[in-house]
Full PDB file with SEQRES, HELIX, SHEET, SSBOND, CRYST1, ORIGX, SCALE, CONECT and MASTER records, all heavy atoms in Angstrom:
SEQRES   1 A   36  ILE ASP GLY ARG THR LEU ASN ILE ILE PHE GLN GLY GLY          
SEQRES   2 A   36  LEU GLU GLU LYS PHE LEU GLU LEU ALA ARG LEU CYS ARG          
SEQRES   3 A   36  SER VAL LEU CYS CYS CYS SER THR PRO LEU                      
HELIX    1 AA1 GLY A    3  GLY A   12  1                                  10    
HELIX    2 AA2 GLU A   15  ARG A   23  1                                   9    
CRYST1    1.000    1.000    1.000  90.00  90.00  90.00 P 1           1          
ORIGX1      1.000000  0.000000  0.000000        0.00000                         
ORIGX2      0.000000  1.000000  0.000000        0.00000                         
ORIGX3      0.000000  0.000000  1.000000        0.00000                         
SCALE1      1.000000  0.000000  0.000000        0.00000                         
SCALE2      0.000000  1.000000  0.000000        0.00000                         
SCALE3      0.000000  0.000000  1.000000        0.00000                         
ATOM      1  N   ILE A   1      12.574 -62.113  33.044  1.00  0.00           N  
ATOM      2  CA  ILE A   1      13.164 -62.515  31.774  1.00  0.00           C  
ATOM      3  C   ILE A   1      12.933 -64.003  31.570  1.00  0.00           C  
ATOM      4  O   ILE A   1      13.041 -64.780  32.511  1.00  0.00           O  
ATOM      5  CB  ILE A   1      14.665 -62.131  31.749  1.00  0.00           C  
ATOM      6  CG1 ILE A   1      15.249 -62.286  30.360  1.00  0.00           C  
ATOM      7  CG2 ILE A   1      15.454 -62.904  32.763  1.00  0.00           C  
ATOM      8  CD1 ILE A   1      16.569 -61.570  30.206  1.00  0.00           C  
ATOM      9  N   ASP A   2      12.607 -64.396  30.363  1.00  0.00           N  
ATOM     10  CA  ASP A   2      12.305 -65.808  30.103  1.00  0.00           C  
ATOM     11  C   ASP A   2      13.496 -66.493  29.441  1.00  0.00           C  
ATOM     12  O   ASP A   2      14.502 -65.867  29.104  1.00  0.00           O  
ATOM     13  CB  ASP A   2      11.038 -65.942  29.258  1.00  0.00           C  
ATOM     14  CG  ASP A   2      11.190 -65.359  27.864  1.00  0.00           C  
ATOM     15  OD1 ASP A   2      12.164 -64.621  27.635  1.00  0.00           O  
ATOM     16  OD2 ASP A   2      10.338 -65.660  27.014  1.00  0.00           O  
ATOM     17  N   GLY A   3      13.358 -67.797  29.261  1.00  0.00           N  
ATOM     18  CA  GLY A   3      14.437 -68.609  28.712  1.00  0.00           C  
ATOM     19  C   GLY A   3      14.805 -68.259  27.294  1.00  0.00           C  
ATOM     20  O   GLY A   3      15.978 -68.300  26.916  1.00  0.00           O  
ATOM     21  N   ARG A   4      13.822 -67.900  26.482  1.00  0.00           N  
ATOM     22  CA  ARG A   4      14.091 -67.545  25.086  1.00  0.00           C  
ATOM     23  C   ARG A   4      14.951 -66.284  25.017  1.00  0.00           C  
ATOM     24  O   ARG A   4      15.898 -66.203  24.238  1.00  0.00           O  
ATOM     25  CB  ARG A   4      12.768 -67.331  24.356  1.00  0.00           C  
ATOM     26  CG  ARG A   4      12.912 -67.331  22.861  1.00  0.00           C  
ATOM     27  CD  ARG A   4      11.591 -67.156  22.162  1.00  0.00           C  
ATOM     28  NE  ARG A   4      10.692 -68.269  22.472  1.00  0.00           N  
ATOM     29  CZ  ARG A   4       9.390 -68.242  22.258  1.00  0.00           C  
ATOM     30  NH1 ARG A   4       8.826 -67.170  21.744  1.00  0.00           N  
ATOM     31  NH2 ARG A   4       8.640 -69.282  22.545  1.00  0.00           N  
ATOM     32  N   THR A   5      14.660 -65.323  25.875  1.00  0.00           N  
ATOM     33  CA  THR A   5      15.445 -64.091  25.913  1.00  0.00           C  
ATOM     34  C   THR A   5      16.845 -64.354  26.465  1.00  0.00           C  
ATOM     35  O   THR A   5      17.831 -63.770  25.991  1.00  0.00           O  
ATOM     36  CB  THR A   5      14.725 -63.026  26.776  1.00  0.00           C  
ATOM     37  OG1 THR A   5      13.374 -62.932  26.355  1.00  0.00           O  
ATOM     38  CG2 THR A   5      15.385 -61.685  26.652  1.00  0.00           C  
ATOM     39  N   LEU A   6      16.959 -65.224  27.446  1.00  0.00           N  
ATOM     40  CA  LEU A   6      18.279 -65.595  27.962  1.00  0.00           C  
ATOM     41  C   LEU A   6      19.127 -66.245  26.878  1.00  0.00           C  
ATOM     42  O   LEU A   6      20.337 -66.022  26.813  1.00  0.00           O  
ATOM     43  CB  LEU A   6      18.140 -66.543  29.155  1.00  0.00           C  
ATOM     44  CG  LEU A   6      17.808 -65.918  30.502  1.00  0.00           C  
ATOM     45  CD1 LEU A   6      17.549 -66.997  31.539  1.00  0.00           C  
ATOM     46  CD2 LEU A   6      18.903 -64.991  30.960  1.00  0.00           C  
ATOM     47  N   ASN A   7      18.499 -67.041  26.024  1.00  0.00           N  
ATOM     48  CA  ASN A   7      19.195 -67.656  24.900  1.00  0.00           C  
ATOM     49  C   ASN A   7      19.794 -66.593  23.995  1.00  0.00           C  
ATOM     50  O   ASN A   7      20.957 -66.693  23.578  1.00  0.00           O  
ATOM     51  CB  ASN A   7      18.227 -68.533  24.097  1.00  0.00           C  
ATOM     52  CG  ASN A   7      18.746 -69.929  23.917  1.00  0.00           C  
ATOM     53  OD1 ASN A   7      19.817 -70.270  24.391  1.00  0.00           O  
ATOM     54  ND2 ASN A   7      17.970 -70.727  23.219  1.00  0.00           N  
ATOM     55  N   ILE A   8      19.022 -65.560  23.680  1.00  0.00           N  
ATOM     56  CA  ILE A   8      19.495 -64.475  22.825  1.00  0.00           C  
ATOM     57  C   ILE A   8      20.641 -63.731  23.500  1.00  0.00           C  
ATOM     58  O   ILE A   8      21.636 -63.376  22.864  1.00  0.00           O  
ATOM     59  CB  ILE A   8      18.327 -63.514  22.487  1.00  0.00           C  
ATOM     60  CG1 ILE A   8      17.284 -64.239  21.639  1.00  0.00           C  
ATOM     61  CG2 ILE A   8      18.829 -62.264  21.787  1.00  0.00           C  
ATOM     62  CD1 ILE A   8      15.978 -63.501  21.478  1.00  0.00           C  
ATOM     63  N   ILE A   9      20.518 -63.515  24.790  1.00  0.00           N  
ATOM     64  CA  ILE A   9      21.560 -62.797  25.539  1.00  0.00           C  
ATOM     65  C   ILE A   9      22.876 -63.559  25.514  1.00  0.00           C  
ATOM     66  O   ILE A   9      23.935 -62.993  25.232  1.00  0.00           O  
ATOM     67  CB  ILE A   9      21.106 -62.534  26.987  1.00  0.00           C  
ATOM     68  CG1 ILE A   9      20.004 -61.484  27.010  1.00  0.00           C  
ATOM     69  CG2 ILE A   9      22.274 -62.114  27.876  1.00  0.00           C  
ATOM     70  CD1 ILE A   9      19.329 -61.328  28.348  1.00  0.00           C  
ATOM     71  N   PHE A  10      22.835 -64.860  25.800  1.00  0.00           N  
ATOM     72  CA  PHE A  10      24.072 -65.644  25.872  1.00  0.00           C  
ATOM     73  C   PHE A  10      24.667 -65.923  24.498  1.00  0.00           C  
ATOM     74  O   PHE A  10      25.880 -65.976  24.353  1.00  0.00           O  
ATOM     75  CB  PHE A  10      23.830 -66.949  26.632  1.00  0.00           C  
ATOM     76  CG  PHE A  10      23.654 -66.750  28.104  1.00  0.00           C  
ATOM     77  CD1 PHE A  10      22.530 -67.208  28.757  1.00  0.00           C  
ATOM     78  CD2 PHE A  10      24.616 -66.104  28.853  1.00  0.00           C  
ATOM     79  CE1 PHE A  10      22.359 -67.025  30.110  1.00  0.00           C  
ATOM     80  CE2 PHE A  10      24.467 -65.910  30.207  1.00  0.00           C  
ATOM     81  CZ  PHE A  10      23.330 -66.371  30.842  1.00  0.00           C  
ATOM     82  N   GLN A  11      23.849 -66.104  23.484  1.00  0.00           N  
ATOM     83  CA  GLN A  11      24.374 -66.369  22.137  1.00  0.00           C  
ATOM     84  C   GLN A  11      24.822 -65.098  21.439  1.00  0.00           C  
ATOM     85  O   GLN A  11      25.719 -65.136  20.605  1.00  0.00           O  
ATOM     86  CB  GLN A  11      23.324 -67.088  21.298  1.00  0.00           C  
ATOM     87  CG  GLN A  11      23.096 -68.514  21.740  1.00  0.00           C  
ATOM     88  CD  GLN A  11      21.985 -69.203  20.953  1.00  0.00           C  
ATOM     89  OE1 GLN A  11      21.326 -68.589  20.129  1.00  0.00           O  
ATOM     90  NE2 GLN A  11      21.806 -70.486  21.224  1.00  0.00           N  
ATOM     91  N   GLY A  12      24.211 -63.969  21.792  1.00  0.00           N  
ATOM     92  CA  GLY A  12      24.544 -62.712  21.127  1.00  0.00           C  
ATOM     93  C   GLY A  12      25.636 -61.909  21.808  1.00  0.00           C  
ATOM     94  O   GLY A  12      25.973 -60.821  21.356  1.00  0.00           O  
ATOM     95  N   GLY A  13      26.175 -62.400  22.896  1.00  0.00           N  
ATOM     96  CA  GLY A  13      27.241 -61.683  23.595  1.00  0.00           C  
ATOM     97  C   GLY A  13      26.743 -60.431  24.303  1.00  0.00           C  
ATOM     98  O   GLY A  13      27.459 -59.434  24.387  1.00  0.00           O  
ATOM     99  N   LEU A  14      25.531 -60.475  24.803  1.00  0.00           N  
ATOM    100  CA  LEU A  14      24.930 -59.319  25.466  1.00  0.00           C  
ATOM    101  C   LEU A  14      24.970 -59.432  26.987  1.00  0.00           C  
ATOM    102  O   LEU A  14      24.149 -58.809  27.672  1.00  0.00           O  
ATOM    103  CB  LEU A  14      23.479 -59.156  24.992  1.00  0.00           C  
ATOM    104  CG  LEU A  14      23.276 -58.994  23.485  1.00  0.00           C  
ATOM    105  CD1 LEU A  14      21.813 -59.086  23.134  1.00  0.00           C  
ATOM    106  CD2 LEU A  14      23.857 -57.669  23.027  1.00  0.00           C  
ATOM    107  N   GLU A  15      25.915 -60.204  27.518  1.00  0.00           N  
ATOM    108  CA  GLU A  15      25.971 -60.441  28.955  1.00  0.00           C  
ATOM    109  C   GLU A  15      26.192 -59.160  29.753  1.00  0.00           C  
ATOM    110  O   GLU A  15      25.556 -58.946  30.781  1.00  0.00           O  
ATOM    111  CB  GLU A  15      27.073 -61.449  29.305  1.00  0.00           C  
ATOM    112  CG  GLU A  15      26.799 -62.857  28.876  1.00  0.00           C  
ATOM    113  CD  GLU A  15      27.415 -63.186  27.524  1.00  0.00           C  
ATOM    114  OE1 GLU A  15      27.906 -62.252  26.839  1.00  0.00           O  
ATOM    115  OE2 GLU A  15      27.399 -64.356  27.150  1.00  0.00           O  
ATOM    116  N   GLU A  16      27.101 -58.263  29.259  1.00  0.00           N  
ATOM    117  CA  GLU A  16      27.373 -57.031  29.990  1.00  0.00           C  
ATOM    118  C   GLU A  16      26.147 -56.126  30.044  1.00  0.00           C  
ATOM    119  O   GLU A  16      25.851 -55.526  31.078  1.00  0.00           O  
ATOM    120  CB  GLU A  16      28.555 -56.277  29.359  1.00  0.00           C  
ATOM    121  CG  GLU A  16      29.911 -56.845  29.747  1.00  0.00           C  
ATOM    122  CD  GLU A  16      30.296 -58.066  28.911  1.00  0.00           C  
ATOM    123  OE1 GLU A  16      29.748 -58.212  27.792  1.00  0.00           O  
ATOM    124  OE2 GLU A  16      31.101 -58.875  29.387  1.00  0.00           O  
ATOM    125  N   LYS A  17      25.423 -56.025  28.934  1.00  0.00           N  
ATOM    126  CA  LYS A  17      24.218 -55.181  28.905  1.00  0.00           C  
ATOM    127  C   LYS A  17      23.139 -55.765  29.815  1.00  0.00           C  
ATOM    128  O   LYS A  17      22.424 -55.023  30.486  1.00  0.00           O  
ATOM    129  CB  LYS A  17      23.706 -55.033  27.481  1.00  0.00           C  
ATOM    130  CG  LYS A  17      24.651 -54.239  26.626  1.00  0.00           C  
ATOM    131  CD  LYS A  17      24.048 -53.876  25.312  1.00  0.00           C  
ATOM    132  CE  LYS A  17      25.115 -53.153  24.518  1.00  0.00           C  
ATOM    133  NZ  LYS A  17      24.608 -52.088  23.732  1.00  0.00           N  
ATOM    134  N   PHE A  18      23.043 -57.096  29.846  1.00  0.00           N  
ATOM    135  CA  PHE A  18      22.083 -57.747  30.736  1.00  0.00           C  
ATOM    136  C   PHE A  18      22.426 -57.452  32.192  1.00  0.00           C  
ATOM    137  O   PHE A  18      21.553 -57.139  32.997  1.00  0.00           O  
ATOM    138  CB  PHE A  18      22.070 -59.257  30.462  1.00  0.00           C  
ATOM    139  CG  PHE A  18      21.306 -60.061  31.473  1.00  0.00           C  
ATOM    140  CD1 PHE A  18      19.944 -59.894  31.640  1.00  0.00           C  
ATOM    141  CD2 PHE A  18      21.952 -61.000  32.265  1.00  0.00           C  
ATOM    142  CE1 PHE A  18      19.240 -60.632  32.573  1.00  0.00           C  
ATOM    143  CE2 PHE A  18      21.264 -61.748  33.193  1.00  0.00           C  
ATOM    144  CZ  PHE A  18      19.903 -61.561  33.350  1.00  0.00           C  
ATOM    145  N   LEU A  19      23.721 -57.515  32.528  1.00  0.00           N  
ATOM    146  CA  LEU A  19      24.134 -57.228  33.903  1.00  0.00           C  
ATOM    147  C   LEU A  19      23.912 -55.763  34.272  1.00  0.00           C  
ATOM    148  O   LEU A  19      23.532 -55.456  35.405  1.00  0.00           O  
ATOM    149  CB  LEU A  19      25.600 -57.600  34.114  1.00  0.00           C  
ATOM    150  CG  LEU A  19      25.882 -59.081  34.307  1.00  0.00           C  
ATOM    151  CD1 LEU A  19      27.366 -59.335  34.392  1.00  0.00           C  
ATOM    152  CD2 LEU A  19      25.192 -59.605  35.541  1.00  0.00           C  
ATOM    153  N   GLU A  20      24.140 -54.851  33.329  1.00  0.00           N  
ATOM    154  CA  GLU A  20      23.878 -53.432  33.594  1.00  0.00           C  
ATOM    155  C   GLU A  20      22.408 -53.212  33.909  1.00  0.00           C  
ATOM    156  O   GLU A  20      22.067 -52.482  34.838  1.00  0.00           O  
ATOM    157  CB  GLU A  20      24.276 -52.589  32.386  1.00  0.00           C  
ATOM    158  CG  GLU A  20      25.760 -52.360  32.240  1.00  0.00           C  
ATOM    159  CD  GLU A  20      26.080 -51.544  31.001  1.00  0.00           C  
ATOM    160  OE1 GLU A  20      25.272 -50.634  30.661  1.00  0.00           O  
ATOM    161  OE2 GLU A  20      27.100 -51.812  30.369  1.00  0.00           O  
ATOM    162  N   LEU A  21      21.544 -53.836  33.125  1.00  0.00           N  
ATOM    163  CA  LEU A  21      20.107 -53.709  33.356  1.00  0.00           C  
ATOM    164  C   LEU A  21      19.702 -54.360  34.675  1.00  0.00           C  
ATOM    165  O   LEU A  21      18.919 -53.807  35.431  1.00  0.00           O  
ATOM    166  CB  LEU A  21      19.331 -54.331  32.191  1.00  0.00           C  
ATOM    167  CG  LEU A  21      17.810 -54.315  32.285  1.00  0.00           C  
ATOM    168  CD1 LEU A  21      17.300 -52.883  32.327  1.00  0.00           C  
ATOM    169  CD2 LEU A  21      17.200 -55.072  31.123  1.00  0.00           C  
ATOM    170  N   ALA A  22      20.275 -55.523  34.950  1.00  0.00           N  
ATOM    171  CA  ALA A  22      19.939 -56.240  36.185  1.00  0.00           C  
ATOM    172  C   ALA A  22      20.393 -55.469  37.427  1.00  0.00           C  
ATOM    173  O   ALA A  22      19.724 -55.509  38.456  1.00  0.00           O  
ATOM    174  CB  ALA A  22      20.556 -57.633  36.172  1.00  0.00           C  
ATOM    175  N   ARG A  23      21.500 -54.762  37.341  1.00  0.00           N  
ATOM    176  CA  ARG A  23      21.988 -53.989  38.485  1.00  0.00           C  
ATOM    177  C   ARG A  23      21.074 -52.823  38.828  1.00  0.00           C  
ATOM    178  O   ARG A  23      21.051 -52.362  39.961  1.00  0.00           O  
ATOM    179  CB  ARG A  23      23.395 -53.460  38.211  1.00  0.00           C  
ATOM    180  CG  ARG A  23      24.436 -54.546  38.223  1.00  0.00           C  
ATOM    181  CD  ARG A  23      25.768 -53.982  37.949  1.00  0.00           C  
ATOM    182  NE  ARG A  23      26.466 -53.851  39.226  1.00  0.00           N  
ATOM    183  CZ  ARG A  23      27.718 -53.462  39.334  1.00  0.00           C  
ATOM    184  NH1 ARG A  23      28.386 -53.140  38.264  1.00  0.00           N  
ATOM    185  NH2 ARG A  23      28.286 -53.388  40.509  1.00  0.00           N  
ATOM    186  N   LEU A  24      20.321 -52.333  37.845  1.00  0.00           N  
ATOM    187  CA  LEU A  24      19.398 -51.231  38.085  1.00  0.00           C  
ATOM    188  C   LEU A  24      18.101 -51.683  38.747  1.00  0.00           C  
ATOM    189  O   LEU A  24      17.340 -50.858  39.234  1.00  0.00           O  
ATOM    190  CB  LEU A  24      19.077 -50.514  36.767  1.00  0.00           C  
ATOM    191  CG  LEU A  24      20.264 -49.855  36.064  1.00  0.00           C  
ATOM    192  CD1 LEU A  24      19.840 -49.330  34.700  1.00  0.00           C  
ATOM    193  CD2 LEU A  24      20.852 -48.749  36.923  1.00  0.00           C  
ATOM    194  N   CYS A  25      17.866 -52.995  38.767  1.00  0.00           N  
ATOM    195  CA  CYS A  25      16.613 -53.541  39.307  1.00  0.00           C  
ATOM    196  C   CYS A  25      16.816 -54.026  40.739  1.00  0.00           C  
ATOM    197  O   CYS A  25      17.902 -54.453  41.118  1.00  0.00           O  
ATOM    198  CB  CYS A  25      16.135 -54.697  38.437  1.00  0.00           C  
ATOM    199  SG  CYS A  25      15.857 -54.220  36.732  1.00  0.00           S  
ATOM    200  N   ARG A  26      15.742 -53.973  41.500  1.00  0.00           N  
ATOM    201  CA  ARG A  26      15.797 -54.491  42.866  1.00  0.00           C  
ATOM    202  C   ARG A  26      15.729 -56.005  42.882  1.00  0.00           C  
ATOM    203  O   ARG A  26      16.245 -56.654  43.780  1.00  0.00           O  
ATOM    204  CB  ARG A  26      14.661 -53.909  43.695  1.00  0.00           C  
ATOM    205  CG  ARG A  26      14.877 -52.444  43.992  1.00  0.00           C  
ATOM    206  CD  ARG A  26      13.815 -51.889  44.862  1.00  0.00           C  
ATOM    207  NE  ARG A  26      13.947 -52.495  46.186  1.00  0.00           N  
ATOM    208  CZ  ARG A  26      13.151 -52.238  47.183  1.00  0.00           C  
ATOM    209  NH1 ARG A  26      12.167 -51.392  47.036  1.00  0.00           N  
ATOM    210  NH2 ARG A  26      13.316 -52.822  48.346  1.00  0.00           N  
ATOM    211  N   SER A  27      15.039 -56.606  41.915  1.00  0.00           N  
ATOM    212  CA  SER A  27      14.965 -58.061  41.829  1.00  0.00           C  
ATOM    213  C   SER A  27      14.910 -58.478  40.368  1.00  0.00           C  
ATOM    214  O   SER A  27      14.378 -57.762  39.523  1.00  0.00           O  
ATOM    215  CB  SER A  27      13.744 -58.591  42.582  1.00  0.00           C  
ATOM    216  OG  SER A  27      12.571 -58.102  41.985  1.00  0.00           O  
ATOM    217  N   VAL A  28      15.495 -59.637  40.096  1.00  0.00           N  
ATOM    218  CA  VAL A  28      15.510 -60.192  38.747  1.00  0.00           C  
ATOM    219  C   VAL A  28      14.970 -61.604  38.831  1.00  0.00           C  
ATOM    220  O   VAL A  28      15.429 -62.405  39.647  1.00  0.00           O  
ATOM    221  CB  VAL A  28      16.944 -60.203  38.154  1.00  0.00           C  
ATOM    222  CG1 VAL A  28      16.952 -60.826  36.781  1.00  0.00           C  
ATOM    223  CG2 VAL A  28      17.525 -58.806  38.122  1.00  0.00           C  
ATOM    224  N   LEU A  29      13.990 -61.916  37.995  1.00  0.00           N  
ATOM    225  CA  LEU A  29      13.355 -63.226  37.992  1.00  0.00           C  
ATOM    226  C   LEU A  29      13.542 -63.853  36.617  1.00  0.00           C  
ATOM    227  O   LEU A  29      13.129 -63.281  35.609  1.00  0.00           O  
ATOM    228  CB  LEU A  29      11.862 -63.100  38.317  1.00  0.00           C  
ATOM    229  CG  LEU A  29      11.058 -64.381  38.289  1.00  0.00           C  
ATOM    230  CD1 LEU A  29      11.483 -65.284  39.431  1.00  0.00           C  
ATOM    231  CD2 LEU A  29       9.587 -64.068  38.383  1.00  0.00           C  
ATOM    232  N   CYS A  30      14.208 -65.000  36.586  1.00  0.00           N  
ATOM    233  CA  CYS A  30      14.388 -65.744  35.341  1.00  0.00           C  
ATOM    234  C   CYS A  30      13.397 -66.901  35.354  1.00  0.00           C  
ATOM    235  O   CYS A  30      13.488 -67.788  36.198  1.00  0.00           O  
ATOM    236  CB  CYS A  30      15.809 -66.271  35.223  1.00  0.00           C  
ATOM    237  SG  CYS A  30      17.055 -64.984  35.207  1.00  0.00           S  
ATOM    238  N   CYS A  31      12.461 -66.895  34.419  1.00  0.00           N  
ATOM    239  CA  CYS A  31      11.437 -67.939  34.388  1.00  0.00           C  
ATOM    240  C   CYS A  31      11.505 -68.707  33.074  1.00  0.00           C  
ATOM    241  O   CYS A  31      12.064 -68.234  32.086  1.00  0.00           O  
ATOM    242  CB  CYS A  31      10.049 -67.331  34.586  1.00  0.00           C  
ATOM    243  SG  CYS A  31       9.600 -66.138  33.335  1.00  0.00           S  
ATOM    244  N   CYS A  32      10.954 -69.896  33.085  1.00  0.00           N  
ATOM    245  CA  CYS A  32      10.893 -70.771  31.906  1.00  0.00           C  
ATOM    246  C   CYS A  32      12.266 -70.955  31.276  1.00  0.00           C  
ATOM    247  O   CYS A  32      12.428 -70.893  30.057  1.00  0.00           O  
ATOM    248  CB  CYS A  32       9.906 -70.234  30.868  1.00  0.00           C  
ATOM    249  SG  CYS A  32       8.235 -70.050  31.486  1.00  0.00           S  
ATOM    250  N   SER A  33      13.272 -71.149  32.100  1.00  0.00           N  
ATOM    251  CA  SER A  33      14.627 -71.318  31.588  1.00  0.00           C  
ATOM    252  C   SER A  33      15.103 -72.747  31.830  1.00  0.00           C  
ATOM    253  O   SER A  33      14.613 -73.448  32.709  1.00  0.00           O  
ATOM    254  CB  SER A  33      15.578 -70.316  32.239  1.00  0.00           C  
ATOM    255  OG  SER A  33      15.520 -70.412  33.632  1.00  0.00           O  
ATOM    256  N   THR A  34      16.068 -73.144  31.042  1.00  0.00           N  
ATOM    257  CA  THR A  34      16.619 -74.497  31.149  1.00  0.00           C  
ATOM    258  C   THR A  34      17.617 -74.549  32.311  1.00  0.00           C  
ATOM    259  O   THR A  34      18.111 -73.507  32.761  1.00  0.00           O  
ATOM    260  CB  THR A  34      17.337 -74.890  29.852  1.00  0.00           C  
ATOM    261  OG1 THR A  34      18.470 -74.029  29.671  1.00  0.00           O  
ATOM    262  CG2 THR A  34      16.399 -74.775  28.656  1.00  0.00           C  
ATOM    263  N   PRO A  35      17.935 -75.749  32.784  1.00  0.00           N  
ATOM    264  CA  PRO A  35      18.938 -75.858  33.853  1.00  0.00           C  
ATOM    265  C   PRO A  35      20.293 -75.260  33.477  1.00  0.00           C  
ATOM    266  O   PRO A  35      20.955 -74.643  34.309  1.00  0.00           O  
ATOM    267  CB  PRO A  35      19.046 -77.371  34.073  1.00  0.00           C  
ATOM    268  CG  PRO A  35      17.729 -77.906  33.652  1.00  0.00           C  
ATOM    269  CD  PRO A  35      17.286 -77.041  32.519  1.00  0.00           C  
ATOM    270  N   LEU A  36      20.677 -75.388  32.210  1.00  0.00           N  
ATOM    271  CA  LEU A  36      21.946 -74.811  31.762  1.00  0.00           C  
ATOM    272  C   LEU A  36      21.908 -73.288  31.828  1.00  0.00           C  
ATOM    273  O   LEU A  36      22.875 -72.648  32.259  1.00  0.00           O  
ATOM    274  CB  LEU A  36      22.261 -75.277  30.341  1.00  0.00           C  
ATOM    275  CG  LEU A  36      23.553 -74.749  29.738  1.00  0.00           C  
ATOM    276  CD1 LEU A  36      24.745 -75.226  30.552  1.00  0.00           C  
ATOM    277  CD2 LEU A  36      23.674 -75.172  28.291  1.00  0.00           C  
TER     278      LEU A  36                                                      
MASTER        0    0    0    2    0    0    0    6  277    1    0    3          
END                                                                             
């Protein structure tokens, strides 16, 4: 997942759906994201 998509997730209130998807994966890689 990239920084632009993380922006949409955090601003759109999609944190629970992101966590549900992440729990189904063996590894999650966040790339091109800001320190925040």
